Each structure stands twice: as C-alpha cells, then as structure tokens.
Amino acid sequence: MLGALEPAAIIASDLQRASATAAELAAVTRLGVTHYEGLRETYAGDWQGLTHTEIVALHGEQYAAWKRGEPVRRGGGELETEVADRAAPVVLSEAEKLADGGTLVVVSHGGTIRTTIGRLLGLEPGHWEALGGLSNCCWSVLGEGARGWRLLEHNAGTLPEPVLGDDS
C-alpha cells in the first residue's frame, strides 16, 4: 500500500525489525534504504526486555511517574525528549532533500515515531502521549502546511485521502 504512494526515499532505524520492514518496501519500490542509529527505539535501560508486569513489580514508582507524564529515564535509559533530539533532525534533513511533493517514508519504532511527530508538530513533550501508540505495520502521515508540519493521519492502515478544508 505504501508503494502506491511512490515514495522518493526510504530511511529506517538500523535495528532488525525496522530494517526488515524497510527492506520489504524497498523491494516493492526498487529504492534503497538509508539506515540511521538516530531512528532507533527509545533505550529503556534496565527495563529492556522486561514484561509490563516485571517493570511494575521492579520499578513501580518510576513506572507510575512515567505514566503521569513526568520526564523519567526509564531504567536509567533515555528521556523521550532525547529520543526526539536525535530522531527529528534525521527526518528533517532527509525531508529537505526531497523535490516538491516528494514522499519520504520513515521506518522506525512506536516510541521514536511518537516523539518525533510531537517534536515536528511543535507539541510540548507532556502532550506527546496524546498522539497514542502506533500499531505494528501502521503509519502516520505528516504534510507541510502553511504554518509548519500537520498530522494528516495517525496509526493508519489504509492509504491517505485528501483532507478538505478552507486552510489550504
């Protein structure tokens, strides 16, 4: 379905799942994939590899603070703002290389995508969670509007359709 958008470029996290997903799209589009460490998922320190139940049992207070929206280094890992600090510049740099109307596909991970979208939209970090999660193999669509980036679709599984409005 994304191949039908005729992307001009594909960039991806260099981690295995995102890289494999990008390779599938690359095979359909006959484009190459450029991999970036900056698009990796949030590093969650001691939380890495734990189940939700284990995290709550071992790090309950830290988990509760994170769920309240407090800036927390989960398990001693990265803050969400640090993830956006490394990922958003990669996306912006690659988007600037596109010809007018060109489509960039970014293949990454749910947390990284959410924080990057939040940063691109100019949302305060405390509001990034409002974007919600991103299901596996779903996508978000951003476009440039008159006043910056706009979120056109989120957690989509179908091709985007034009949004009709009076603010073109």
N, C-alpha and C. Protein backbone atom coordinates (compact mmCIF):
# COMPACT_ATOMS: atom_id res chain seq x y z
N MET A 1 0.83 -1.20 0.00
CA MET A 1 0.00 0.00 0.00
C MET A 1 0.87 1.25 0.00
N LEU A 2 1.96 1.24 0.77
CA LEU A 2 2.83 2.42 0.79
C LEU A 2 3.57 2.58 -0.54
N GLY A 3 3.82 1.49 -1.21
CA GLY A 3 4.45 1.58 -2.52
C GLY A 3 3.61 2.39 -3.50
N ALA A 4 2.29 2.35 -3.34
CA ALA A 4 1.40 3.11 -4.21
C ALA A 4 1.58 4.62 -4.04
N LEU A 5 2.16 5.05 -2.93
CA LEU A 5 2.44 6.47 -2.72
C LEU A 5 3.66 6.94 -3.51
N GLU A 6 4.36 5.99 -4.13
CA GLU A 6 5.56 6.27 -4.91
C GLU A 6 6.56 7.13 -4.13
N PRO A 7 7.04 6.59 -3.01
CA PRO A 7 7.99 7.36 -2.21
C PRO A 7 9.26 7.67 -3.00
N ALA A 8 9.86 8.80 -2.66
CA ALA A 8 11.12 9.22 -3.27
C ALA A 8 12.31 8.66 -2.50
N ALA A 9 12.11 8.39 -1.20
CA ALA A 9 13.21 7.91 -0.37
C ALA A 9 12.65 7.13 0.82
N ILE A 10 13.46 6.19 1.29
CA ILE A 10 13.13 5.40 2.48
C ILE A 10 14.30 5.48 3.44
N ILE A 11 14.01 5.86 4.69
CA ILE A 11 15.02 5.83 5.73
C ILE A 11 14.49 4.96 6.86
N ALA A 12 15.40 4.38 7.63
CA ALA A 12 14.96 3.44 8.66
C ALA A 12 15.95 3.38 9.82
N SER A 13 15.43 2.96 10.93
CA SER A 13 16.26 2.56 12.06
C SER A 13 17.15 1.41 11.58
N ASP A 14 18.33 1.32 12.18
CA ASP A 14 19.21 0.22 11.83
C ASP A 14 18.95 -1.04 12.66
N LEU A 15 17.93 -1.00 13.52
CA LEU A 15 17.58 -2.18 14.30
C LEU A 15 16.80 -3.16 13.43
N GLN A 16 16.87 -4.42 13.78
CA GLN A 16 16.42 -5.52 12.92
C GLN A 16 14.98 -5.41 12.41
N ARG A 17 14.00 -5.19 13.30
CA ARG A 17 12.60 -5.21 12.84
C ARG A 17 12.31 -4.08 11.87
N ALA A 18 12.78 -2.87 12.18
CA ALA A 18 12.54 -1.74 11.29
C ALA A 18 13.29 -1.92 9.98
N SER A 19 14.50 -2.41 10.06
CA SER A 19 15.31 -2.64 8.86
C SER A 19 14.64 -3.66 7.94
N ALA A 20 14.12 -4.73 8.52
CA ALA A 20 13.43 -5.76 7.71
C ALA A 20 12.16 -5.22 7.08
N THR A 21 11.42 -4.40 7.83
CA THR A 21 10.20 -3.79 7.28
C THR A 21 10.55 -2.87 6.12
N ALA A 22 11.58 -2.05 6.31
CA ALA A 22 12.01 -1.14 5.24
C ALA A 22 12.46 -1.91 4.01
N ALA A 23 13.12 -3.04 4.21
CA ALA A 23 13.58 -3.85 3.08
C ALA A 23 12.41 -4.36 2.24
N GLU A 24 11.29 -4.69 2.89
CA GLU A 24 10.11 -5.15 2.15
C GLU A 24 9.57 -4.04 1.24
N LEU A 25 9.52 -2.82 1.77
CA LEU A 25 9.05 -1.70 0.95
C LEU A 25 10.06 -1.39 -0.15
N ALA A 26 11.34 -1.49 0.17
CA ALA A 26 12.38 -1.23 -0.82
C ALA A 26 12.27 -2.21 -2.00
N ALA A 27 11.93 -3.45 -1.70
CA ALA A 27 11.79 -4.44 -2.76
C ALA A 27 10.63 -4.09 -3.70
N VAL A 28 9.57 -3.54 -3.14
CA VAL A 28 8.41 -3.16 -3.94
C VAL A 28 8.69 -1.91 -4.77
N THR A 29 9.39 -0.96 -4.17
CA THR A 29 9.61 0.34 -4.83
C THR A 29 10.91 0.41 -5.62
N ARG A 30 11.77 -0.57 -5.41
CA ARG A 30 13.11 -0.60 -6.03
C ARG A 30 13.95 0.58 -5.57
N LEU A 31 13.70 1.07 -4.37
CA LEU A 31 14.52 2.13 -3.77
C LEU A 31 15.49 1.49 -2.79
N GLY A 32 16.55 2.21 -2.51
CA GLY A 32 17.46 1.80 -1.45
C GLY A 32 16.93 2.30 -0.11
N VAL A 33 17.49 1.79 0.96
CA VAL A 33 17.14 2.22 2.31
C VAL A 33 18.40 2.80 2.95
N THR A 34 18.27 3.98 3.53
CA THR A 34 19.36 4.56 4.31
C THR A 34 19.04 4.35 5.78
N HIS A 35 19.95 3.72 6.50
CA HIS A 35 19.74 3.38 7.91
C HIS A 35 20.41 4.40 8.82
N TYR A 36 19.74 4.71 9.92
CA TYR A 36 20.25 5.68 10.89
C TYR A 36 20.10 5.15 12.31
N GLU A 37 21.17 5.25 13.09
CA GLU A 37 21.09 4.95 14.52
C GLU A 37 20.11 5.89 15.21
N GLY A 38 20.02 7.12 14.72
CA GLY A 38 19.16 8.13 15.33
C GLY A 38 17.69 7.77 15.30
N LEU A 39 17.31 6.80 14.48
CA LEU A 39 15.91 6.38 14.39
C LEU A 39 15.61 5.15 15.24
N ARG A 40 16.58 4.74 16.07
CA ARG A 40 16.36 3.59 16.94
C ARG A 40 15.28 3.88 17.98
N GLU A 41 14.71 2.81 18.53
CA GLU A 41 13.70 2.92 19.59
C GLU A 41 14.35 3.50 20.84
N THR A 42 13.53 4.02 21.73
CA THR A 42 13.98 4.56 23.00
C THR A 42 14.76 3.49 23.77
N TYR A 43 15.93 3.87 24.24
CA TYR A 43 16.69 2.95 25.09
C TYR A 43 16.11 3.05 26.50
N ALA A 44 15.63 1.92 27.02
CA ALA A 44 14.94 1.90 28.31
C ALA A 44 15.77 1.27 29.42
N GLY A 45 17.08 1.27 29.28
CA GLY A 45 17.96 0.83 30.36
C GLY A 45 17.57 -0.52 30.95
N ASP A 46 17.41 -0.55 32.27
CA ASP A 46 17.09 -1.79 32.99
C ASP A 46 15.71 -2.34 32.63
N TRP A 47 14.88 -1.54 31.98
CA TRP A 47 13.56 -2.02 31.58
C TRP A 47 13.63 -2.88 30.32
N GLN A 48 14.72 -2.77 29.57
CA GLN A 48 14.85 -3.50 28.31
C GLN A 48 14.58 -4.99 28.54
N GLY A 49 13.73 -5.57 27.72
CA GLY A 49 13.47 -6.99 27.76
C GLY A 49 12.51 -7.46 28.83
N LEU A 50 12.04 -6.54 29.69
CA LEU A 50 11.11 -6.93 30.75
C LEU A 50 9.67 -6.85 30.24
N THR A 51 8.81 -7.65 30.82
CA THR A 51 7.38 -7.55 30.54
C THR A 51 6.80 -6.39 31.35
N HIS A 52 5.60 -5.98 30.98
CA HIS A 52 4.91 -4.93 31.72
C HIS A 52 4.82 -5.29 33.20
N THR A 53 4.43 -6.51 33.49
CA THR A 53 4.28 -6.97 34.87
C THR A 53 5.61 -6.88 35.63
N GLU A 54 6.69 -7.27 34.99
CA GLU A 54 8.00 -7.20 35.62
C GLU A 54 8.43 -5.75 35.88
N ILE A 55 8.16 -4.88 34.93
CA ILE A 55 8.51 -3.46 35.11
C ILE A 55 7.77 -2.89 36.30
N VAL A 56 6.48 -3.13 36.40
CA VAL A 56 5.68 -2.61 37.51
C VAL A 56 6.19 -3.18 38.83
N ALA A 57 6.52 -4.47 38.86
CA ALA A 57 7.00 -5.10 40.09
C ALA A 57 8.37 -4.57 40.51
N LEU A 58 9.25 -4.36 39.56
CA LEU A 58 10.63 -3.97 39.87
C LEU A 58 10.84 -2.47 39.94
N HIS A 59 10.04 -1.73 39.19
CA HIS A 59 10.25 -0.28 39.06
C HIS A 59 8.92 0.47 39.19
N GLY A 60 8.09 0.05 40.12
CA GLY A 60 6.73 0.57 40.23
C GLY A 60 6.63 2.08 40.35
N GLU A 61 7.43 2.68 41.22
CA GLU A 61 7.35 4.14 41.42
C GLU A 61 7.81 4.88 40.18
N GLN A 62 8.89 4.41 39.57
CA GLN A 62 9.39 5.03 38.35
C GLN A 62 8.36 4.88 37.21
N TYR A 63 7.75 3.71 37.12
CA TYR A 63 6.74 3.47 36.11
C TYR A 63 5.55 4.41 36.31
N ALA A 64 5.09 4.55 37.55
CA ALA A 64 3.95 5.43 37.84
C ALA A 64 4.27 6.88 37.48
N ALA A 65 5.49 7.32 37.75
CA ALA A 65 5.89 8.69 37.40
C ALA A 65 5.89 8.88 35.89
N TRP A 66 6.38 7.88 35.18
CA TRP A 66 6.41 7.95 33.71
C TRP A 66 4.99 8.01 33.15
N LYS A 67 4.09 7.19 33.69
CA LYS A 67 2.70 7.19 33.22
C LYS A 67 1.99 8.51 33.53
N ARG A 68 2.42 9.21 34.57
CA ARG A 68 1.85 10.53 34.89
C ARG A 68 2.38 11.61 33.95
N GLY A 69 3.34 11.26 33.12
CA GLY A 69 3.89 12.23 32.17
C GLY A 69 5.12 12.94 32.65
N GLU A 70 5.68 12.49 33.75
CA GLU A 70 6.91 13.11 34.26
C GLU A 70 8.09 12.65 33.41
N PRO A 71 9.08 13.53 33.23
CA PRO A 71 10.27 13.10 32.47
C PRO A 71 11.04 12.06 33.28
N VAL A 72 11.09 10.85 32.80
CA VAL A 72 11.70 9.74 33.53
C VAL A 72 12.69 9.03 32.62
N ARG A 73 13.85 8.76 33.15
CA ARG A 73 14.83 7.91 32.46
C ARG A 73 14.48 6.47 32.82
N ARG A 74 13.56 5.90 32.05
CA ARG A 74 13.10 4.55 32.34
C ARG A 74 14.28 3.60 32.43
N GLY A 75 14.43 3.00 33.60
CA GLY A 75 15.53 2.06 33.80
C GLY A 75 16.90 2.68 33.64
N GLY A 76 17.00 4.00 33.73
CA GLY A 76 18.27 4.68 33.53
C GLY A 76 18.55 4.99 32.07
N GLY A 77 17.59 4.76 31.21
CA GLY A 77 17.77 4.98 29.77
C GLY A 77 17.51 6.42 29.35
N GLU A 78 17.00 6.57 28.14
CA GLU A 78 16.80 7.88 27.54
C GLU A 78 15.50 8.54 27.97
N LEU A 79 15.53 9.86 28.02
CA LEU A 79 14.30 10.64 28.13
C LEU A 79 13.65 10.69 26.75
N GLU A 80 12.33 10.83 26.72
CA GLU A 80 11.64 10.94 25.43
C GLU A 80 12.13 12.15 24.63
N THR A 81 12.48 13.24 25.32
CA THR A 81 12.99 14.42 24.62
C THR A 81 14.34 14.13 23.96
N GLU A 82 15.13 13.25 24.57
CA GLU A 82 16.42 12.89 23.96
C GLU A 82 16.21 12.06 22.70
N VAL A 83 15.18 11.24 22.71
CA VAL A 83 14.87 10.46 21.51
C VAL A 83 14.48 11.42 20.38
N ALA A 84 13.63 12.39 20.68
CA ALA A 84 13.24 13.38 19.68
C ALA A 84 14.44 14.21 19.22
N ASP A 85 15.36 14.51 20.16
CA ASP A 85 16.56 15.28 19.81
C ASP A 85 17.42 14.57 18.78
N ARG A 86 17.43 13.24 18.79
CA ARG A 86 18.27 12.51 17.83
C ARG A 86 17.50 12.11 16.57
N ALA A 87 16.19 11.88 16.68
CA ALA A 87 15.43 11.39 15.53
C ALA A 87 14.88 12.50 14.64
N ALA A 88 14.32 13.55 15.22
CA ALA A 88 13.70 14.61 14.41
C ALA A 88 14.69 15.25 13.43
N PRO A 89 15.93 15.54 13.83
CA PRO A 89 16.86 16.12 12.84
C PRO A 89 17.14 15.20 11.65
N VAL A 90 17.15 13.89 11.87
CA VAL A 90 17.34 12.95 10.77
C VAL A 90 16.19 13.08 9.77
N VAL A 91 14.96 13.10 10.29
CA VAL A 91 13.79 13.19 9.42
C VAL A 91 13.78 14.53 8.68
N LEU A 92 14.04 15.61 9.40
CA LEU A 92 14.05 16.93 8.76
C LEU A 92 15.11 17.04 7.68
N SER A 93 16.30 16.53 7.96
CA SER A 93 17.39 16.57 6.99
C SER A 93 17.03 15.81 5.72
N GLU A 94 16.45 14.63 5.88
CA GLU A 94 16.06 13.83 4.71
C GLU A 94 14.87 14.46 3.97
N ALA A 95 13.94 15.05 4.70
CA ALA A 95 12.79 15.70 4.06
C ALA A 95 13.23 16.90 3.23
N GLU A 96 14.25 17.61 3.69
CA GLU A 96 14.75 18.78 2.94
C GLU A 96 15.36 18.38 1.60
N LYS A 97 15.79 17.15 1.46
CA LYS A 97 16.41 16.68 0.22
C LYS A 97 15.38 16.34 -0.86
N LEU A 98 14.12 16.24 -0.48
CA LEU A 98 13.08 15.83 -1.42
C LEU A 98 12.71 16.96 -2.38
N ALA A 99 12.35 16.58 -3.58
CA ALA A 99 11.76 17.55 -4.51
C ALA A 99 10.37 17.91 -3.99
N ASP A 100 9.85 19.05 -4.41
CA ASP A 100 8.50 19.44 -4.00
C ASP A 100 7.52 18.32 -4.28
N GLY A 101 6.70 18.00 -3.29
CA GLY A 101 5.71 16.95 -3.44
C GLY A 101 6.24 15.55 -3.22
N GLY A 102 7.54 15.42 -2.95
CA GLY A 102 8.13 14.11 -2.75
C GLY A 102 7.71 13.50 -1.41
N THR A 103 7.69 12.18 -1.37
CA THR A 103 7.29 11.45 -0.17
C THR A 103 8.48 10.73 0.44
N LEU A 104 8.69 10.96 1.72
CA LEU A 104 9.72 10.28 2.49
C LEU A 104 9.03 9.26 3.39
N VAL A 105 9.49 8.02 3.35
CA VAL A 105 8.99 7.00 4.27
C VAL A 105 10.04 6.80 5.34
N VAL A 106 9.61 6.92 6.60
CA VAL A 106 10.48 6.73 7.76
C VAL A 106 10.01 5.46 8.45
N VAL A 107 10.87 4.47 8.54
CA VAL A 107 10.54 3.20 9.19
C VAL A 107 11.30 3.16 10.51
N SER A 108 10.55 3.20 11.59
CA SER A 108 11.18 3.26 12.90
C SER A 108 10.34 2.49 13.90
N HIS A 109 10.27 2.96 15.12
CA HIS A 109 9.61 2.26 16.23
C HIS A 109 8.60 3.20 16.87
N GLY A 110 7.57 2.62 17.50
CA GLY A 110 6.45 3.40 18.00
C GLY A 110 6.83 4.59 18.86
N GLY A 111 7.66 4.38 19.85
CA GLY A 111 8.06 5.49 20.73
C GLY A 111 8.84 6.56 20.01
N THR A 112 9.73 6.15 19.14
CA THR A 112 10.53 7.10 18.37
C THR A 112 9.65 7.89 17.41
N ILE A 113 8.72 7.21 16.78
CA ILE A 113 7.84 7.90 15.85
C ILE A 113 6.96 8.90 16.60
N ARG A 114 6.40 8.50 17.75
CA ARG A 114 5.54 9.40 18.51
C ARG A 114 6.30 10.65 18.95
N THR A 115 7.51 10.47 19.49
CA THR A 115 8.27 11.63 19.97
C THR A 115 8.69 12.53 18.81
N THR A 116 9.03 11.92 17.68
CA THR A 116 9.43 12.71 16.52
C THR A 116 8.25 13.50 15.96
N ILE A 117 7.09 12.86 15.87
CA ILE A 117 5.90 13.59 15.42
C ILE A 117 5.60 14.74 16.38
N GLY A 118 5.64 14.47 17.67
CA GLY A 118 5.39 15.52 18.65
C GLY A 118 6.33 16.70 18.47
N ARG A 119 7.60 16.41 18.25
CA ARG A 119 8.59 17.47 18.05
C ARG A 119 8.31 18.23 16.76
N LEU A 120 8.04 17.51 15.66
CA LEU A 120 7.78 18.18 14.38
C LEU A 120 6.53 19.06 14.43
N LEU A 121 5.54 18.62 15.19
CA LEU A 121 4.31 19.40 15.30
C LEU A 121 4.44 20.56 16.28
N GLY A 122 5.53 20.61 17.02
CA GLY A 122 5.73 21.69 17.98
C GLY A 122 4.96 21.50 19.27
N LEU A 123 4.55 20.26 19.56
CA LEU A 123 3.83 19.99 20.81
C LEU A 123 4.80 19.97 21.98
N GLU A 124 4.33 20.37 23.13
CA GLU A 124 5.12 20.25 24.35
C GLU A 124 5.28 18.76 24.67
N PRO A 125 6.45 18.34 25.16
CA PRO A 125 6.68 16.92 25.44
C PRO A 125 5.61 16.27 26.32
N GLY A 126 5.03 17.00 27.24
CA GLY A 126 3.98 16.44 28.08
C GLY A 126 2.72 16.07 27.33
N HIS A 127 2.61 16.53 26.08
CA HIS A 127 1.43 16.24 25.27
C HIS A 127 1.68 15.17 24.21
N TRP A 128 2.90 14.66 24.10
CA TRP A 128 3.21 13.67 23.07
C TRP A 128 2.41 12.40 23.26
N GLU A 129 2.14 12.03 24.48
CA GLU A 129 1.38 10.80 24.76
C GLU A 129 -0.02 10.87 24.16
N ALA A 130 -0.54 12.09 23.97
CA ALA A 130 -1.88 12.25 23.40
C ALA A 130 -1.95 11.71 21.97
N LEU A 131 -0.81 11.57 21.32
CA LEU A 131 -0.81 11.02 19.97
C LEU A 131 -1.16 9.54 19.97
N GLY A 132 -0.99 8.88 21.09
CA GLY A 132 -1.31 7.46 21.17
C GLY A 132 -0.23 6.61 20.53
N GLY A 133 -0.38 5.32 20.70
CA GLY A 133 0.60 4.38 20.18
C GLY A 133 0.47 4.18 18.69
N LEU A 134 1.40 3.44 18.17
CA LEU A 134 1.41 3.11 16.76
C LEU A 134 1.46 1.60 16.65
N SER A 135 0.44 1.00 16.06
CA SER A 135 0.39 -0.45 15.91
C SER A 135 1.45 -0.91 14.91
N ASN A 136 1.88 -2.17 15.04
CA ASN A 136 2.86 -2.71 14.10
C ASN A 136 2.34 -2.62 12.67
N CYS A 137 3.21 -2.19 11.79
CA CYS A 137 2.95 -2.07 10.35
C CYS A 137 1.86 -1.05 10.03
N CYS A 138 1.61 -0.13 10.92
CA CYS A 138 0.74 1.01 10.63
C CYS A 138 1.62 2.24 10.49
N TRP A 139 1.05 3.33 10.07
CA TRP A 139 1.85 4.51 9.81
C TRP A 139 1.09 5.78 10.14
N SER A 140 1.86 6.86 10.15
CA SER A 140 1.32 8.20 10.30
C SER A 140 1.70 8.98 9.06
N VAL A 141 0.91 9.96 8.73
CA VAL A 141 1.17 10.79 7.55
C VAL A 141 1.25 12.24 8.01
N LEU A 142 2.39 12.86 7.72
CA LEU A 142 2.57 14.27 8.00
C LEU A 142 2.73 15.00 6.68
N GLY A 143 2.28 16.22 6.65
CA GLY A 143 2.45 17.05 5.47
C GLY A 143 2.81 18.45 5.91
N GLU A 144 3.40 19.19 5.01
CA GLU A 144 3.76 20.57 5.34
C GLU A 144 2.57 21.47 5.02
N GLY A 145 2.17 22.25 6.02
CA GLY A 145 1.11 23.21 5.85
C GLY A 145 1.67 24.62 5.83
N ALA A 146 0.80 25.59 5.76
CA ALA A 146 1.22 26.99 5.71
C ALA A 146 1.98 27.41 6.97
N ARG A 147 1.70 26.74 8.10
CA ARG A 147 2.34 27.12 9.36
C ARG A 147 3.19 25.99 9.94
N GLY A 148 3.67 25.11 9.10
CA GLY A 148 4.54 24.03 9.57
C GLY A 148 3.92 22.67 9.32
N TRP A 149 4.46 21.68 10.01
CA TRP A 149 4.01 20.30 9.83
C TRP A 149 2.60 20.10 10.36
N ARG A 150 1.85 19.24 9.67
CA ARG A 150 0.49 18.90 10.08
C ARG A 150 0.37 17.37 10.12
N LEU A 151 -0.34 16.87 11.12
CA LEU A 151 -0.61 15.44 11.21
C LEU A 151 -1.88 15.17 10.41
N LEU A 152 -1.74 14.45 9.31
CA LEU A 152 -2.87 14.18 8.42
C LEU A 152 -3.55 12.86 8.77
N GLU A 153 -2.76 11.86 9.19
CA GLU A 153 -3.31 10.58 9.61
C GLU A 153 -2.37 9.99 10.66
N HIS A 154 -2.93 9.22 11.59
CA HIS A 154 -2.10 8.58 12.61
C HIS A 154 -2.61 7.16 12.87
N ASN A 155 -1.67 6.23 13.00
CA ASN A 155 -1.97 4.83 13.24
C ASN A 155 -2.85 4.28 12.12
N ALA A 156 -2.53 4.69 10.90
CA ALA A 156 -3.34 4.33 9.73
C ALA A 156 -2.93 2.96 9.19
N GLY A 157 -3.86 2.34 8.53
CA GLY A 157 -3.60 1.08 7.86
C GLY A 157 -4.14 1.09 6.45
N THR A 158 -4.55 2.28 5.99
CA THR A 158 -5.06 2.45 4.64
C THR A 158 -4.35 3.65 4.01
N LEU A 159 -4.47 3.81 2.73
CA LEU A 159 -3.83 4.94 2.07
C LEU A 159 -4.51 6.24 2.47
N PRO A 160 -3.73 7.32 2.60
CA PRO A 160 -4.32 8.60 3.00
C PRO A 160 -5.23 9.17 1.92
N GLU A 161 -6.25 9.88 2.37
CA GLU A 161 -7.15 10.58 1.47
C GLU A 161 -7.03 12.06 1.76
N PRO A 162 -7.23 12.90 0.75
CA PRO A 162 -7.11 14.35 0.97
C PRO A 162 -8.08 14.84 2.04
N VAL A 163 -7.62 15.77 2.84
CA VAL A 163 -8.46 16.40 3.83
C VAL A 163 -8.97 17.69 3.22
N LEU A 164 -10.28 17.86 3.19
CA LEU A 164 -10.86 19.06 2.61
C LEU A 164 -11.05 20.09 3.71
N GLY A 165 -10.61 21.28 3.43
CA GLY A 165 -10.74 22.36 4.41
C GLY A 165 -10.51 23.69 3.75
N ASP A 166 -10.68 24.74 4.51
CA ASP A 166 -10.53 26.07 3.94
C ASP A 166 -9.20 26.69 4.33
N ASP A 167 -8.27 25.91 4.85
CA ASP A 167 -6.99 26.46 5.28
C ASP A 167 -5.82 25.96 4.44
N SER A 168 -6.07 25.83 3.15
CA SER A 168 -5.02 25.33 2.25
C SER A 168 -3.88 26.29 2.24
